Amino acid sequence: MKFGVFVTVLLLFSCTKQKQELCACTKEYFPVCAAGKQYANPCLAQCAGFSETEIIALDQDDENASCS
């Protein structure tokens, strides 16, 4: 009986949990900022939920470039 209740609760929990979208990005290094945080490339920033208008490219030639 206890096992049946556990399985039922487990199934209900797994069915109500929201499905996360997969996000596939290349490993290219093209640093960008979004909301003060640095990402290795625009794809990773978009996967974090930022739109293209919220993403700012950093100057790759400037070794001291940061998002602060």
Protein backbone atom coordinates (compact mmCIF):
# COMPACT_ATOMS: atom_id res chain seq x y z
CA MET A 1 0.00 0.00 0.00
CA LYS A 2 2.76 2.47 0.94
CA PHE A 3 4.58 1.74 -2.31
CA GLY A 4 1.43 2.50 -4.33
CA VAL A 5 0.98 5.85 -2.57
CA PHE A 6 4.65 6.70 -3.18
CA VAL A 7 4.38 5.88 -6.89
CA THR A 8 1.17 7.91 -7.21
CA VAL A 9 2.76 10.95 -5.54
CA LEU A 10 5.87 10.58 -7.68
CA LEU A 11 3.83 10.43 -10.89
CA LEU A 12 1.75 13.46 -9.90
CA PHE A 13 4.88 15.45 -9.11
CA SER A 14 6.61 14.54 -12.35
CA CYS A 15 3.52 15.39 -14.42
CA THR A 16 3.07 18.81 -12.86
CA LYS A 17 6.72 19.83 -13.10
CA GLN A 18 7.28 22.27 -15.96
CA LYS A 19 9.28 21.01 -18.88
CA GLN A 20 12.57 22.88 -19.36
CA GLU A 21 13.56 23.78 -22.88
CA LEU A 22 16.88 22.50 -24.13
CA CYS A 23 19.36 25.05 -25.33
CA ALA A 24 22.29 24.12 -27.56
CA CYS A 25 25.08 26.66 -28.05
CA THR A 26 28.50 26.50 -29.66
CA LYS A 27 31.61 27.01 -27.54
CA GLU A 28 32.77 30.09 -29.43
CA TYR A 29 34.07 32.89 -27.23
CA PHE A 30 32.37 36.17 -28.04
CA PRO A 31 31.81 37.78 -24.62
CA VAL A 32 28.59 39.67 -23.97
CA CYS A 33 26.83 41.27 -21.01
CA ALA A 34 23.23 40.97 -19.94
CA ALA A 35 21.87 42.51 -16.74
CA GLY A 36 25.39 43.02 -15.40
CA LYS A 37 26.46 39.40 -15.88
CA GLN A 38 29.02 38.24 -18.43
CA TYR A 39 28.29 35.33 -20.78
CA ALA A 40 30.75 33.61 -23.12
CA ASN A 41 28.53 34.27 -26.15
CA PRO A 42 25.11 35.66 -27.09
CA CYS A 43 23.55 32.20 -27.35
CA LEU A 44 24.25 31.47 -23.68
CA ALA A 45 22.76 34.82 -22.69
CA GLN A 46 19.62 34.07 -24.72
CA CYS A 47 19.38 30.66 -23.05
CA ALA A 48 19.45 32.47 -19.73
CA GLY A 49 16.32 34.31 -20.85
CA PHE A 50 17.63 37.58 -22.28
CA SER A 51 16.42 39.02 -25.57
CA GLU A 52 18.77 40.28 -28.28
CA THR A 53 18.05 43.88 -27.27
CA GLU A 54 19.19 43.18 -23.68
CA ILE A 55 22.55 41.71 -24.74
CA ILE A 56 25.59 43.98 -25.15
CA ALA A 57 28.76 42.79 -26.89
CA LEU A 58 32.04 43.36 -25.08
CA ASP A 59 35.15 44.62 -26.85
CA GLN A 60 37.24 41.50 -27.44
CA ASP A 61 40.38 43.57 -27.91
CA ASP A 62 40.08 45.08 -24.42
CA GLU A 63 41.46 42.62 -21.84
CA ASN A 64 39.89 44.67 -19.02
CA ALA A 65 36.38 44.74 -20.49
CA SER A 66 33.74 43.76 -17.96
CA CYS A 67 30.03 44.08 -17.33
CA SER A 68 30.31 46.37 -14.31
